[in-house]
Amino acid sequence: MSDLIKHYLQLVGIAKGWAMKNLPGWNDEIHRDLLQRHGAMMIDGRISASSLNVPQLDAVLCDYERRGWSRQKRVFSGGGDAKKVPERIAMMVRMWGKLGKAGKVEKATRPALLAFCTRQTGRDVPNLDSLSVAESQKIIEAMKGWLAR
């Protein structure tokens, strides 16, 4: 099996995990139906992504993208040309996670955090990088206050 196919199979697994968490009613059977629509065949009694070639796997990933999953890596770490996440953004993500663990927010997901930021700033916030330093600080302070209540 080529490294590219292994990589695509890993991405399909990640996309499936995302769908199970974020798409209401998504389950293994729906995932297998999606694979079968793109050409997957039965292996050992079940439809398997490992029976797909690279273009078919890419089609599966595109299908997940149409449902809202993003192939883009969200956490940057390591060496080389990796992008460093600004501390203010990391702080917002950490605070949002704390609010989720404390039961203050129903879903501590990235889309929910962006919706909160949109409400706090009064403008559309497509990603956390689009926030100014002042807006980020205002949001962090609002989250601190919310967590303290």
C-alpha atoms as a PDB file:
ATOM      1  CA  MET A   1       0.000   0.000   0.000  1.00  0.00           C
ATOM      2  CA  SER A   2       1.433   3.380  -0.984  1.00  0.00           C
ATOM      3  CA  ASP A   3       2.072   6.156   1.509  1.00  0.00           C
ATOM      4  CA  LEU A   4      -0.477   8.348  -0.294  1.00  0.00           C
ATOM      5  CA  ILE A   5      -3.227   5.745   0.088  1.00  0.00           C
ATOM      6  CA  LYS A   6      -2.302   5.311   3.775  1.00  0.00           C
ATOM      7  CA  HIS A   7      -2.520   9.079   4.218  1.00  0.00           C
ATOM      8  CA  TYR A   8      -5.915   9.264   2.498  1.00  0.00           C
ATOM      9  CA  LEU A   9      -7.233   6.350   4.585  1.00  0.00           C
ATOM     10  CA  GLN A  10      -6.110   8.171   7.704  1.00  0.00           C
ATOM     11  CA  LEU A  11      -7.908  11.323   6.542  1.00  0.00           C
ATOM     12  CA  VAL A  12     -11.079   9.308   5.878  1.00  0.00           C
ATOM     13  CA  GLY A  13     -10.886   8.029   9.455  1.00  0.00           C
ATOM     14  CA  ILE A  14     -10.465  11.560  10.781  1.00  0.00           C
ATOM     15  CA  ALA A  15     -13.373  12.795   8.656  1.00  0.00           C
ATOM     16  CA  LYS A  16     -15.550   9.933   9.911  1.00  0.00           C
ATOM     17  CA  GLY A  17     -14.692  10.830  13.514  1.00  0.00           C
ATOM     18  CA  TRP A  18     -15.566  14.459  12.824  1.00  0.00           C
ATOM     19  CA  ALA A  19     -18.888  13.437  11.285  1.00  0.00           C
ATOM     20  CA  MET A  20     -19.775  11.201  14.251  1.00  0.00           C
ATOM     21  CA  LYS A  21     -19.270  14.173  16.587  1.00  0.00           C
ATOM     22  CA  ASN A  22     -20.710  16.978  14.468  1.00  0.00           C
ATOM     23  CA  LEU A  23     -23.388  15.578  12.144  1.00  0.00           C
ATOM     24  CA  PRO A  24     -26.644  14.632  13.869  1.00  0.00           C
ATOM     25  CA  GLY A  25     -27.539  10.996  13.304  1.00  0.00           C
ATOM     26  CA  TRP A  26     -24.251  10.123  11.596  1.00  0.00           C
ATOM     27  CA  ASN A  27     -23.213   6.553  12.275  1.00  0.00           C
ATOM     28  CA  ASP A  28     -21.026   3.768  10.913  1.00  0.00           C
ATOM     29  CA  GLU A  29     -23.747   2.528   8.559  1.00  0.00           C
ATOM     30  CA  ILE A  30     -24.081   5.944   6.911  1.00  0.00           C
ATOM     31  CA  HIS A  31     -20.287   6.124   6.606  1.00  0.00           C
ATOM     32  CA  ARG A  32     -20.199   2.699   4.908  1.00  0.00           C
ATOM     33  CA  ASP A  33     -22.982   3.805   2.510  1.00  0.00           C
ATOM     34  CA  LEU A  34     -20.914   6.864   1.605  1.00  0.00           C
ATOM     35  CA  LEU A  35     -17.874   4.653   0.942  1.00  0.00           C
ATOM     36  CA  GLN A  36     -19.961   2.283  -1.186  1.00  0.00           C
ATOM     37  CA  ARG A  37     -21.307   5.203  -3.274  1.00  0.00           C
ATOM     38  CA  HIS A  38     -17.700   5.991  -4.170  1.00  0.00           C
ATOM     39  CA  GLY A  39     -16.821   2.428  -5.130  1.00  0.00           C
ATOM     40  CA  ALA A  40     -15.828   0.655  -1.910  1.00  0.00           C
ATOM     41  CA  MET A  41     -16.268  -3.104  -1.902  1.00  0.00           C
ATOM     42  CA  MET A  42     -16.952  -5.736   0.718  1.00  0.00           C
ATOM     43  CA  ILE A  43     -13.877  -7.060   2.543  1.00  0.00           C
ATOM     44  CA  ASP A  44     -14.261  -9.547   5.410  1.00  0.00           C
ATOM     45  CA  GLY A  45     -18.026  -9.028   5.502  1.00  0.00           C
ATOM     46  CA  ARG A  46     -18.108  -5.215   5.529  1.00  0.00           C
ATOM     47  CA  ILE A  47     -17.665  -2.288   3.183  1.00  0.00           C
ATOM     48  CA  SER A  48     -14.060  -1.114   3.551  1.00  0.00           C
ATOM     49  CA  ALA A  49     -12.286   2.112   2.594  1.00  0.00           C
ATOM     50  CA  SER A  50      -9.138   0.076   1.966  1.00  0.00           C
ATOM     51  CA  SER A  51     -10.718  -1.200  -1.254  1.00  0.00           C
ATOM     52  CA  LEU A  52     -10.692   2.339  -2.718  1.00  0.00           C
ATOM     53  CA  ASN A  53      -8.005   3.894  -4.901  1.00  0.00           C
ATOM     54  CA  VAL A  54      -6.677   7.458  -4.491  1.00  0.00           C
ATOM     55  CA  PRO A  55      -9.261   9.220  -6.739  1.00  0.00           C
ATOM     56  CA  GLN A  56     -12.092   7.368  -4.984  1.00  0.00           C
ATOM     57  CA  LEU A  57     -10.689   8.239  -1.547  1.00  0.00           C
ATOM     58  CA  ASP A  58     -10.388  11.861  -2.665  1.00  0.00           C
ATOM     59  CA  ALA A  59     -14.062  11.780  -3.717  1.00  0.00           C
ATOM     60  CA  VAL A  60     -15.005  10.479  -0.239  1.00  0.00           C
ATOM     61  CA  LEU A  61     -13.034  13.311   1.380  1.00  0.00           C
ATOM     62  CA  CYS A  62     -14.680  15.865  -0.932  1.00  0.00           C
ATOM     63  CA  ASP A  63     -18.062  14.448   0.122  1.00  0.00           C
ATOM     64  CA  TYR A  64     -17.144  15.020   3.785  1.00  0.00           C
ATOM     65  CA  GLU A  65     -15.952  18.539   2.945  1.00  0.00           C
ATOM     66  CA  ARG A  66     -19.369  19.330   1.440  1.00  0.00           C
ATOM     67  CA  ARG A  67     -20.816  18.332   4.815  1.00  0.00           C
ATOM     68  CA  GLY A  68     -18.559  20.819   6.646  1.00  0.00           C
ATOM     69  CA  TRP A  69     -15.365  18.906   7.461  1.00  0.00           C
ATOM     70  CA  SER A  70     -12.113  20.694   6.609  1.00  0.00           C
ATOM     71  CA  ARG A  71      -8.977  18.921   5.419  1.00  0.00           C
ATOM     72  CA  GLN A  72      -6.867  21.806   6.639  1.00  0.00           C
ATOM     73  CA  LYS A  73      -4.725  21.050   9.657  1.00  0.00           C
ATOM     74  CA  ARG A  74      -5.979  23.155  12.557  1.00  0.00           C
ATOM     75  CA  VAL A  75      -3.138  22.727  15.028  1.00  0.00           C
ATOM     76  CA  PHE A  76       0.309  23.793  13.955  1.00  0.00           C
ATOM     77  CA  SER A  77       3.332  22.462  15.779  1.00  0.00           C
ATOM     78  CA  GLY A  78       6.771  21.117  15.150  1.00  0.00           C
ATOM     79  CA  GLY A  79       9.640  22.598  13.253  1.00  0.00           C
ATOM     80  CA  GLY A  80      10.218  23.795   9.753  1.00  0.00           C
ATOM     81  CA  ASP A  81       7.780  26.266   8.277  1.00  0.00           C
ATOM     82  CA  ALA A  82       5.002  25.481  10.792  1.00  0.00           C
ATOM     83  CA  LYS A  83       2.834  28.439  11.704  1.00  0.00           C
ATOM     84  CA  LYS A  84       2.894  29.465  15.375  1.00  0.00           C
ATOM     85  CA  VAL A  85      -0.545  30.022  16.869  1.00  0.00           C
ATOM     86  CA  PRO A  86      -0.735  33.474  18.504  1.00  0.00           C
ATOM     87  CA  GLU A  87      -1.093  33.278  22.290  1.00  0.00           C
ATOM     88  CA  ARG A  88      -4.373  35.241  22.285  1.00  0.00           C
ATOM     89  CA  ILE A  89      -5.955  32.634  19.983  1.00  0.00           C
ATOM     90  CA  ALA A  90      -4.587  29.751  22.031  1.00  0.00           C
ATOM     91  CA  MET A  91      -6.011  31.449  25.149  1.00  0.00           C
ATOM     92  CA  MET A  92      -9.466  31.778  23.570  1.00  0.00           C
ATOM     93  CA  VAL A  93      -9.453  28.106  22.595  1.00  0.00           C
ATOM     94  CA  ARG A  94      -8.319  27.066  26.101  1.00  0.00           C
ATOM     95  CA  MET A  95     -10.959  29.261  27.761  1.00  0.00           C
ATOM     96  CA  TRP A  96     -13.650  27.869  25.455  1.00  0.00           C
ATOM     97  CA  GLY A  97     -12.601  24.343  26.406  1.00  0.00           C
ATOM     98  CA  LYS A  98     -12.796  25.254  30.115  1.00  0.00           C
ATOM     99  CA  LEU A  99     -16.293  26.655  29.584  1.00  0.00           C
ATOM    100  CA  GLY A 100     -17.263  23.384  27.924  1.00  0.00           C
ATOM    101  CA  LYS A 101     -15.844  21.273  30.755  1.00  0.00           C
ATOM    102  CA  ALA A 102     -17.628  23.484  33.299  1.00  0.00           C
ATOM    103  CA  GLY A 103     -20.922  22.890  31.484  1.00  0.00           C
ATOM    104  CA  LYS A 104     -21.325  26.580  30.592  1.00  0.00           C
ATOM    105  CA  VAL A 105     -21.555  25.888  26.839  1.00  0.00           C
ATOM    106  CA  GLU A 106     -23.490  23.042  25.274  1.00  0.00           C
ATOM    107  CA  LYS A 107     -20.888  22.274  22.605  1.00  0.00           C
ATOM    108  CA  ALA A 108     -17.314  23.460  23.018  1.00  0.00           C
ATOM    109  CA  THR A 109     -16.623  23.222  19.275  1.00  0.00           C
ATOM    110  CA  ARG A 110     -14.800  25.596  16.958  1.00  0.00           C
ATOM    111  CA  PRO A 111     -18.016  26.621  15.110  1.00  0.00           C
ATOM    112  CA  ALA A 112     -19.665  27.421  18.464  1.00  0.00           C
ATOM    113  CA  LEU A 113     -16.640  29.499  19.500  1.00  0.00           C
ATOM    114  CA  LEU A 114     -16.786  31.424  16.213  1.00  0.00           C
ATOM    115  CA  ALA A 115     -20.524  32.047  16.750  1.00  0.00           C
ATOM    116  CA  PHE A 116     -19.772  33.378  20.250  1.00  0.00           C
ATOM    117  CA  CYS A 117     -17.058  35.652  18.827  1.00  0.00           C
ATOM    118  CA  THR A 118     -19.515  36.899  16.189  1.00  0.00           C
ATOM    119  CA  ARG A 119     -22.030  37.813  18.905  1.00  0.00           C
ATOM    120  CA  GLN A 120     -19.356  39.523  21.008  1.00  0.00           C
ATOM    121  CA  THR A 121     -17.928  41.615  18.164  1.00  0.00           C
ATOM    122  CA  GLY A 122     -21.153  42.333  16.292  1.00  0.00           C
ATOM    123  CA  ARG A 123     -19.600  41.264  12.984  1.00  0.00           C
ATOM    124  CA  ASP A 124     -19.000  38.029  11.116  1.00  0.00           C
ATOM    125  CA  VAL A 125     -15.938  36.176  12.419  1.00  0.00           C
ATOM    126  CA  PRO A 126     -14.937  33.522   9.841  1.00  0.00           C
ATOM    127  CA  ASN A 127     -11.845  32.479  11.825  1.00  0.00           C
ATOM    128  CA  LEU A 128     -10.014  33.477  14.980  1.00  0.00           C
ATOM    129  CA  ASP A 129      -7.151  35.030  12.985  1.00  0.00           C
ATOM    130  CA  SER A 130      -9.579  37.688  11.720  1.00  0.00           C
ATOM    131  CA  LEU A 131      -9.996  39.132  15.232  1.00  0.00           C
ATOM    132  CA  SER A 132      -7.977  42.170  16.230  1.00  0.00           C
ATOM    133  CA  VAL A 133      -5.942  42.083  19.432  1.00  0.00           C
ATOM    134  CA  ALA A 134      -8.505  44.367  21.128  1.00  0.00           C
ATOM    135  CA  GLU A 135     -11.424  42.151  20.027  1.00  0.00           C
ATOM    136  CA  SER A 136      -9.588  39.050  21.209  1.00  0.00           C
ATOM    137  CA  GLN A 137      -8.951  40.622  24.611  1.00  0.00           C
ATOM    138  CA  LYS A 138     -12.624  41.636  24.927  1.00  0.00           C
ATOM    139  CA  ILE A 139     -13.698  38.066  24.135  1.00  0.00           C
ATOM    140  CA  ILE A 140     -11.181  36.550  26.567  1.00  0.00           C
ATOM    141  CA  GLU A 141     -12.410  38.860  29.346  1.00  0.00           C
ATOM    142  CA  ALA A 142     -16.033  37.939  28.568  1.00  0.00           C
ATOM    143  CA  MET A 143     -15.153  34.246  28.791  1.00  0.00           C
ATOM    144  CA  LYS A 144     -13.301  34.789  32.096  1.00  0.00           C
ATOM    145  CA  GLY A 145     -16.355  36.531  33.529  1.00  0.00           C
ATOM    146  CA  TRP A 146     -18.655  33.789  32.252  1.00  0.00           C
ATOM    147  CA  LEU A 147     -16.447  31.089  33.755  1.00  0.00           C
ATOM    148  CA  ALA A 148     -16.375  32.915  37.119  1.00  0.00           C
ATOM    149  CA  ARG A 149     -20.204  33.035  37.331  1.00  0.00           C
END
